[in-house]
Amino acid sequence: MNPVLISILLVAAAANIVLLLALLVRSSSNQSFAKEVREDLRVGREELRSSNREANETVAGGGRRQLFLPLTTIVFAGLEPSSLVHHRAV
């Protein structure tokens, strides 16, 4: 084999080892970042669960009364609900 080719292969092998070590160091430092991301995702899922639970309770419980209140206010004010609907001009 040509000595130039052997030296090129040795330099490439050394560069691969250096890059591998750099990758290992970087991946160990990214573990804290990955932990923070997992924690943020967990908090987001908990918030989503609690908001879904509140929405389900609102719909199942007092949600109908809350939706019914504006309609009774409109009727008692003497307005027809159909007169509040805006029709699009053609």
Protein backbone atom coordinates (compact mmCIF):
# COMPACT_ATOMS: atom_id res chain seq x y z
CA MET A 1 0.00 0.00 0.00
CA ASN A 2 1.03 3.51 -0.65
CA PRO A 3 2.38 5.37 2.45
CA VAL A 4 0.27 8.39 1.56
CA LEU A 5 -2.88 6.27 1.54
CA ILE A 6 -1.97 4.71 4.89
CA SER A 7 -1.42 8.15 6.43
CA ILE A 8 -4.77 9.37 5.06
CA LEU A 9 -6.52 6.35 6.59
CA LEU A 10 -4.78 6.89 9.94
CA VAL A 11 -5.76 10.58 9.99
CA ALA A 12 -9.37 9.66 9.14
CA ALA A 13 -9.41 7.03 11.91
CA ALA A 14 -8.01 9.53 14.43
CA ALA A 15 -10.58 12.13 13.36
CA ASN A 16 -13.37 9.57 13.81
CA ILE A 17 -12.15 8.76 17.33
CA VAL A 18 -12.00 12.47 18.24
CA LEU A 19 -15.48 13.05 16.85
CA LEU A 20 -16.80 10.00 18.71
CA LEU A 21 -15.40 11.29 21.99
CA ALA A 22 -16.90 14.73 21.34
CA LEU A 23 -20.26 13.10 20.65
CA LEU A 24 -20.10 11.11 23.88
CA VAL A 25 -19.30 14.24 25.90
CA ARG A 26 -22.07 16.19 24.23
CA SER A 27 -24.66 13.44 24.73
CA SER A 28 -23.90 13.23 28.45
CA SER A 29 -24.42 17.00 28.79
CA ASN A 30 -27.70 16.77 26.85
CA GLN A 31 -29.16 14.40 29.41
CA SER A 32 -30.02 17.36 31.66
CA PHE A 33 -31.67 19.09 28.70
CA ALA A 34 -33.66 15.95 27.88
CA LYS A 35 -34.72 15.70 31.51
CA GLU A 36 -35.98 19.30 31.43
CA VAL A 37 -37.92 18.63 28.22
CA ARG A 38 -39.52 15.50 29.72
CA GLU A 39 -40.48 17.47 32.82
CA ASP A 40 -42.06 20.23 30.70
CA LEU A 41 -44.01 17.64 28.72
CA ARG A 42 -45.22 15.99 31.94
CA VAL A 43 -46.39 19.34 33.34
CA GLY A 44 -48.16 20.08 30.05
CA ARG A 45 -49.98 16.74 30.15
CA GLU A 46 -51.06 17.38 33.74
CA GLU A 47 -52.40 20.82 32.80
CA LEU A 48 -54.23 19.32 29.83
CA ARG A 49 -55.81 16.65 32.04
CA SER A 50 -56.97 19.19 34.61
CA SER A 51 -58.40 21.53 31.96
CA ASN A 52 -60.19 18.60 30.28
CA ARG A 53 -61.58 17.54 33.64
CA GLU A 54 -62.82 21.09 34.32
CA ALA A 55 -64.38 21.30 30.85
CA ASN A 56 -66.13 17.96 31.33
CA GLU A 57 -67.45 19.06 34.72
CA THR A 58 -68.68 22.32 33.20
CA VAL A 59 -70.49 20.53 30.40
CA ALA A 60 -71.91 17.85 32.68
CA GLY A 61 -72.83 20.15 35.54
CA GLY A 62 -73.34 23.88 35.29
CA GLY A 63 -72.55 24.33 31.63
CA ARG A 64 -76.16 24.19 30.53
CA ARG A 65 -77.19 26.86 32.99
CA GLN A 66 -74.38 29.08 31.78
CA LEU A 67 -75.49 28.65 28.16
CA PHE A 68 -79.14 29.13 29.06
CA LEU A 69 -78.56 32.40 30.96
CA PRO A 70 -77.77 34.61 27.93
CA LEU A 71 -80.86 33.32 26.09
CA THR A 72 -83.15 34.16 29.03
CA THR A 73 -81.57 37.58 29.30
CA ILE A 74 -82.28 38.25 25.62
CA VAL A 75 -85.87 37.04 25.90
CA PHE A 76 -86.56 39.05 29.06
CA ALA A 77 -85.06 42.12 27.41
CA GLY A 78 -87.76 41.87 24.76
CA LEU A 79 -85.48 40.91 21.91
CA GLU A 80 -86.07 38.00 19.62
CA PRO A 81 -83.05 35.74 19.27
CA SER A 82 -83.61 35.57 15.52
CA SER A 83 -83.27 39.35 15.24
CA LEU A 84 -79.74 39.09 16.68
CA VAL A 85 -78.51 36.85 13.89
CA HIS A 86 -76.60 38.79 11.27
CA HIS A 87 -77.36 37.74 7.73
CA ARG A 88 -74.70 38.07 5.13
CA ALA A 89 -75.54 40.34 2.21
CA VAL A 90 -75.41 38.62 -1.15
